[in-house]
Amino acid sequence: MEDLLQIQEKVRQFIVKTSYAEDEQINNDTLIFEQGIMDSMGFMSLITFIEESYSIQANDDELLEANFESIDAIAGFVKKKLDLN
């Protein structure tokens, strides 16, 4: 199972690749939607990426901004879901 740092790096690589943002623009605590790095279409592709990469399912009640606003939040969400499995 991947640790938190590995999850953060995998998520960062996905965001940089799909948003065309420069890696230097994105820190683990950067608010990726508030900063305009990702939009609603990016959110959908992010959810698909997470579900396919980690074999987890995000429930409707978990699709909250707090769970996906930054790399830290996303990695924490993924880690929590993996720990429940």
C-alpha atoms as a PDB file:
ATOM      1  CA  MET A   1       0.000   0.000   0.000  1.00  0.00           C
ATOM      2  CA  GLU A   2       1.265   3.455  -0.851  1.00  0.00           C
ATOM      3  CA  ASP A   3       2.106   5.880   1.931  1.00  0.00           C
ATOM      4  CA  LEU A   4       0.877   9.465   2.110  1.00  0.00           C
ATOM      5  CA  LEU A   5       3.956  10.916   0.360  1.00  0.00           C
ATOM      6  CA  GLN A   6       3.598   8.493  -2.558  1.00  0.00           C
ATOM      7  CA  ILE A   7      -0.085   9.335  -2.911  1.00  0.00           C
ATOM      8  CA  GLN A   8       0.706  13.062  -2.840  1.00  0.00           C
ATOM      9  CA  GLU A   9       3.305  12.659  -5.598  1.00  0.00           C
ATOM     10  CA  LYS A  10       1.021  10.559  -7.792  1.00  0.00           C
ATOM     11  CA  VAL A  11      -1.803  13.100  -7.412  1.00  0.00           C
ATOM     12  CA  ARG A  12       0.609  15.986  -8.102  1.00  0.00           C
ATOM     13  CA  GLN A  13       1.813  14.334 -11.313  1.00  0.00           C
ATOM     14  CA  PHE A  14      -1.772  13.808 -12.462  1.00  0.00           C
ATOM     15  CA  ILE A  15      -2.726  17.431 -11.749  1.00  0.00           C
ATOM     16  CA  VAL A  16       0.339  18.832 -13.507  1.00  0.00           C
ATOM     17  CA  LYS A  17      -0.236  16.575 -16.516  1.00  0.00           C
ATOM     18  CA  THR A  18      -3.951  17.279 -16.886  1.00  0.00           C
ATOM     19  CA  SER A  19      -3.993  20.972 -15.995  1.00  0.00           C
ATOM     20  CA  TYR A  20      -0.858  22.035 -17.864  1.00  0.00           C
ATOM     21  CA  ALA A  21       0.141  23.998 -14.757  1.00  0.00           C
ATOM     22  CA  GLU A  22       3.809  24.269 -13.947  1.00  0.00           C
ATOM     23  CA  ASP A  23       4.947  21.928 -11.180  1.00  0.00           C
ATOM     24  CA  GLU A  24       6.332  24.939  -9.279  1.00  0.00           C
ATOM     25  CA  GLN A  25       2.838  26.486  -9.174  1.00  0.00           C
ATOM     26  CA  ILE A  26       1.428  23.624  -7.171  1.00  0.00           C
ATOM     27  CA  ASN A  27       2.318  23.006  -3.552  1.00  0.00           C
ATOM     28  CA  ASN A  28       0.639  20.358  -1.428  1.00  0.00           C
ATOM     29  CA  ASP A  29      -1.554  23.036   0.144  1.00  0.00           C
ATOM     30  CA  THR A  30      -2.366  24.980  -3.053  1.00  0.00           C
ATOM     31  CA  LEU A  31      -6.128  25.350  -3.451  1.00  0.00           C
ATOM     32  CA  ILE A  32      -6.285  23.866  -6.934  1.00  0.00           C
ATOM     33  CA  PHE A  33      -9.869  24.892  -7.753  1.00  0.00           C
ATOM     34  CA  GLU A  34      -9.773  28.291  -6.070  1.00  0.00           C
ATOM     35  CA  GLN A  35      -6.540  29.101  -7.932  1.00  0.00           C
ATOM     36  CA  GLY A  36      -8.089  28.047 -11.251  1.00  0.00           C
ATOM     37  CA  ILE A  37      -5.643  25.184 -11.770  1.00  0.00           C
ATOM     38  CA  MET A  38      -8.502  22.727 -12.209  1.00  0.00           C
ATOM     39  CA  ASP A  39     -12.166  23.229 -13.112  1.00  0.00           C
ATOM     40  CA  SER A  40     -15.292  21.055 -12.928  1.00  0.00           C
ATOM     41  CA  MET A  41     -14.156  18.868 -15.831  1.00  0.00           C
ATOM     42  CA  GLY A  42     -10.810  18.480 -14.098  1.00  0.00           C
ATOM     43  CA  PHE A  43     -12.652  17.469 -10.946  1.00  0.00           C
ATOM     44  CA  MET A  44     -14.453  14.681 -12.786  1.00  0.00           C
ATOM     45  CA  SER A  45     -11.212  13.393 -14.304  1.00  0.00           C
ATOM     46  CA  LEU A  46      -9.547  13.620 -10.869  1.00  0.00           C
ATOM     47  CA  ILE A  47     -12.297  11.480  -9.306  1.00  0.00           C
ATOM     48  CA  THR A  48     -11.965   8.911 -12.106  1.00  0.00           C
ATOM     49  CA  PHE A  49      -8.167   8.873 -11.710  1.00  0.00           C
ATOM     50  CA  ILE A  50      -8.408   8.318  -7.955  1.00  0.00           C
ATOM     51  CA  GLU A  51     -11.036   5.591  -8.247  1.00  0.00           C
ATOM     52  CA  GLU A  52      -9.108   3.725 -10.943  1.00  0.00           C
ATOM     53  CA  SER A  53      -5.654   4.191  -9.420  1.00  0.00           C
ATOM     54  CA  TYR A  54      -6.583   3.125  -5.915  1.00  0.00           C
ATOM     55  CA  SER A  55      -9.614   0.869  -6.482  1.00  0.00           C
ATOM     56  CA  ILE A  56     -11.767   2.986  -4.198  1.00  0.00           C
ATOM     57  CA  GLN A  57     -15.193   4.511  -4.681  1.00  0.00           C
ATOM     58  CA  ALA A  58     -15.987   8.087  -3.692  1.00  0.00           C
ATOM     59  CA  ASN A  59     -19.526   8.223  -2.332  1.00  0.00           C
ATOM     60  CA  ASP A  60     -21.753  11.167  -3.232  1.00  0.00           C
ATOM     61  CA  ASP A  61     -21.601  12.497   0.330  1.00  0.00           C
ATOM     62  CA  GLU A  62     -17.777  12.516   0.136  1.00  0.00           C
ATOM     63  CA  LEU A  63     -17.621  14.735  -2.966  1.00  0.00           C
ATOM     64  CA  LEU A  64     -16.991  17.806  -0.840  1.00  0.00           C
ATOM     65  CA  GLU A  65     -14.608  20.646  -1.539  1.00  0.00           C
ATOM     66  CA  ALA A  66     -12.794  19.912   1.717  1.00  0.00           C
ATOM     67  CA  ASN A  67     -11.787  16.459   0.416  1.00  0.00           C
ATOM     68  CA  PHE A  68     -10.417  17.695  -2.920  1.00  0.00           C
ATOM     69  CA  GLU A  69      -9.291  21.310  -2.484  1.00  0.00           C
ATOM     70  CA  SER A  70      -5.552  20.533  -2.410  1.00  0.00           C
ATOM     71  CA  ILE A  71      -3.071  17.712  -2.865  1.00  0.00           C
ATOM     72  CA  ASP A  72      -2.923  17.335   0.925  1.00  0.00           C
ATOM     73  CA  ALA A  73      -6.709  17.011   1.126  1.00  0.00           C
ATOM     74  CA  ILE A  74      -6.889  14.548  -1.781  1.00  0.00           C
ATOM     75  CA  ALA A  75      -4.076  12.375  -0.404  1.00  0.00           C
ATOM     76  CA  GLY A  76      -5.697  12.389   3.040  1.00  0.00           C
ATOM     77  CA  PHE A  77      -9.020  11.347   1.509  1.00  0.00           C
ATOM     78  CA  VAL A  78      -7.396   8.527  -0.481  1.00  0.00           C
ATOM     79  CA  LYS A  79      -5.384   7.313   2.530  1.00  0.00           C
ATOM     80  CA  LYS A  80      -8.505   7.277   4.707  1.00  0.00           C
ATOM     81  CA  LYS A  81     -10.422   5.275   2.086  1.00  0.00           C
ATOM     82  CA  LEU A  82      -7.551   2.820   1.678  1.00  0.00           C
ATOM     83  CA  ASP A  83      -7.271   2.326   5.432  1.00  0.00           C
ATOM     84  CA  LEU A  84     -10.974   1.449   5.559  1.00  0.00           C
ATOM     85  CA  ASN A  85     -10.547  -1.314   2.964  1.00  0.00           C
END
